[in-house]
Amino acid sequence: MLDLLPQPASATRARQAARDYLSAHCPAEVVDTVALLVTELVTNAVIHARTELQLIIDVDSGCVGVRVTDAAPSLPAVRGHDRDDMTGRGLTLVDTLATEWGVEPRANGKVVWCNVHFDRSSLA
């Protein structure tokens, strides 16, 4: 678990922590994918929730689970965007790269999560 402040540097810190942890447990392409997903989820929380947040990453039986918890009640959603928009693609990217993802409302905020499945035999 990594506690993070609602500041832009938290995305970099979270991405590096994910890479450090996952490099011993996952193939390189999975590490790259999850690092990008972590960056997007943390960045969304920093920009939209503006509360302290937590990052939790678990690896179990060929699945990396990522959870970002914040204290804001508003729920994120994939939204449409124009070609020229500079922002607004984060959850579209999560929807594309993650095996599955979702949002769980909580009494004191929410958890935005995603899973990335991978073939464990590729670790040999």
Protein backbone atom coordinates (compact mmCIF):
# COMPACT_ATOMS: atom_id res chain seq x y z
CA MET A 1 0.00 0.00 0.00
CA LEU A 2 1.25 3.45 -0.90
CA ASP A 3 -0.26 6.61 0.59
CA LEU A 4 -0.19 9.55 -1.81
CA LEU A 5 -0.96 13.25 -1.66
CA PRO A 6 -3.21 14.98 -4.20
CA GLN A 7 -0.33 16.45 -6.19
CA PRO A 8 0.98 15.75 -9.70
CA ALA A 9 4.21 14.15 -8.44
CA SER A 10 2.14 11.34 -6.94
CA ALA A 11 1.53 9.83 -10.37
CA THR A 12 5.27 9.53 -10.96
CA ARG A 13 5.83 8.12 -7.49
CA ALA A 14 3.02 5.57 -7.96
CA ARG A 15 4.26 4.51 -11.40
CA GLN A 16 7.79 3.92 -10.10
CA ALA A 17 6.51 1.99 -7.07
CA ALA A 18 4.43 -0.20 -9.38
CA ARG A 19 7.42 -0.89 -11.62
CA ASP A 20 9.67 -1.69 -8.67
CA TYR A 21 7.17 -4.12 -7.17
CA LEU A 22 5.98 -5.81 -10.35
CA SER A 23 9.35 -6.31 -12.01
CA ALA A 24 9.97 -9.37 -9.83
CA HIS A 25 6.49 -10.84 -10.41
CA CYS A 26 5.41 -10.14 -13.99
CA PRO A 27 6.63 -10.13 -17.59
CA ALA A 28 8.02 -6.78 -18.77
CA GLU A 29 5.04 -6.02 -21.02
CA VAL A 30 2.66 -6.49 -18.08
CA VAL A 31 4.82 -4.19 -15.94
CA ASP A 32 4.63 -1.55 -18.68
CA THR A 33 0.86 -1.88 -19.04
CA VAL A 34 0.18 -1.75 -15.32
CA ALA A 35 2.55 1.18 -14.85
CA LEU A 36 0.55 3.11 -17.45
CA LEU A 37 -2.76 2.14 -15.81
CA VAL A 38 -1.48 3.18 -12.38
CA THR A 39 -0.40 6.52 -13.81
CA GLU A 40 -3.84 7.13 -15.31
CA LEU A 41 -5.81 6.09 -12.21
CA VAL A 42 -3.65 8.14 -9.83
CA THR A 43 -3.69 11.15 -12.15
CA ASN A 44 -7.50 10.97 -12.32
CA ALA A 45 -7.70 10.88 -8.52
CA VAL A 46 -5.28 13.79 -8.17
CA ILE A 47 -7.16 15.94 -10.70
CA HIS A 48 -10.75 15.05 -9.85
CA ALA A 49 -10.87 13.81 -6.24
CA ARG A 50 -8.29 16.21 -4.81
CA THR A 51 -8.03 14.14 -1.64
CA GLU A 52 -5.33 11.96 -0.19
CA LEU A 53 -5.33 8.60 -1.91
CA GLN A 54 -3.98 5.11 -1.59
CA LEU A 55 -2.56 2.76 -4.18
CA ILE A 56 -2.73 -0.98 -3.62
CA ILE A 57 -1.26 -3.49 -6.07
CA ASP A 58 -1.63 -7.25 -5.70
CA VAL A 59 -0.33 -10.08 -7.88
CA ASP A 60 -2.06 -13.44 -7.64
CA SER A 61 -2.28 -16.38 -10.04
CA GLY A 62 -1.60 -14.50 -13.26
CA CYS A 63 -3.54 -11.38 -12.35
CA VAL A 64 -2.34 -7.95 -11.29
CA GLY A 65 -4.96 -6.07 -9.30
CA VAL A 66 -4.70 -2.29 -8.93
CA ARG A 67 -6.84 -0.25 -6.54
CA VAL A 68 -6.81 3.50 -6.07
CA THR A 69 -8.84 4.75 -3.12
CA ASP A 70 -9.80 8.37 -2.54
CA ALA A 71 -12.22 10.27 -0.31
CA ALA A 72 -14.30 11.99 -2.99
CA PRO A 73 -17.87 10.78 -3.54
CA SER A 74 -18.01 11.58 -7.27
CA LEU A 75 -17.75 8.52 -9.51
CA PRO A 76 -15.62 8.55 -12.66
CA ALA A 77 -16.97 7.51 -16.02
CA VAL A 78 -15.61 7.04 -19.51
CA ARG A 79 -16.53 10.11 -21.47
CA GLY A 80 -16.44 11.06 -25.09
CA HIS A 81 -13.77 13.42 -26.32
CA ASP A 82 -12.84 15.29 -29.45
CA ARG A 83 -9.68 14.53 -31.39
CA ASP A 84 -8.13 17.83 -30.32
CA ASP A 85 -8.88 17.46 -26.59
CA MET A 86 -5.73 17.44 -24.46
CA THR A 87 -7.36 15.55 -21.56
CA GLY A 88 -10.21 13.15 -20.93
CA ARG A 89 -8.73 9.94 -22.30
CA GLY A 90 -7.59 8.33 -19.03
CA LEU A 91 -10.50 5.98 -18.41
CA THR A 92 -10.78 5.19 -22.12
CA LEU A 93 -7.19 4.00 -21.88
CA VAL A 94 -7.98 1.99 -18.74
CA ASP A 95 -11.00 0.47 -20.48
CA THR A 96 -8.82 -0.52 -23.43
CA LEU A 97 -5.78 -1.92 -21.59
CA ALA A 98 -7.23 -3.51 -18.46
CA THR A 99 -8.83 -6.95 -18.57
CA GLU A 100 -11.60 -5.47 -16.43
CA TRP A 101 -12.13 -2.38 -14.33
CA GLY A 102 -14.74 -0.72 -12.19
CA VAL A 103 -15.65 1.66 -9.41
CA GLU A 104 -16.86 0.78 -5.93
CA PRO A 105 -18.56 3.58 -4.01
CA ARG A 106 -17.78 3.65 -0.30
CA ALA A 107 -19.20 5.61 2.62
CA ASN A 108 -16.03 7.71 2.68
CA GLY A 109 -15.22 7.91 -1.03
CA LYS A 110 -14.56 5.26 -3.65
CA VAL A 111 -12.18 2.68 -5.03
CA VAL A 112 -11.35 2.66 -8.72
CA TRP A 113 -9.86 -0.70 -9.64
CA CYS A 114 -8.57 -2.63 -12.59
CA ASN A 115 -7.16 -6.07 -13.25
CA VAL A 116 -4.65 -7.20 -15.84
CA HIS A 117 -4.47 -10.92 -16.49
CA PHE A 118 -1.31 -12.53 -17.87
CA ASP A 119 0.05 -15.93 -18.73
CA ARG A 120 2.18 -17.07 -15.79
CA SER A 121 4.10 -19.47 -18.02
CA SER A 122 5.74 -16.46 -19.67
CA LEU A 123 7.71 -15.94 -16.44
CA ALA A 124 9.85 -19.04 -17.02
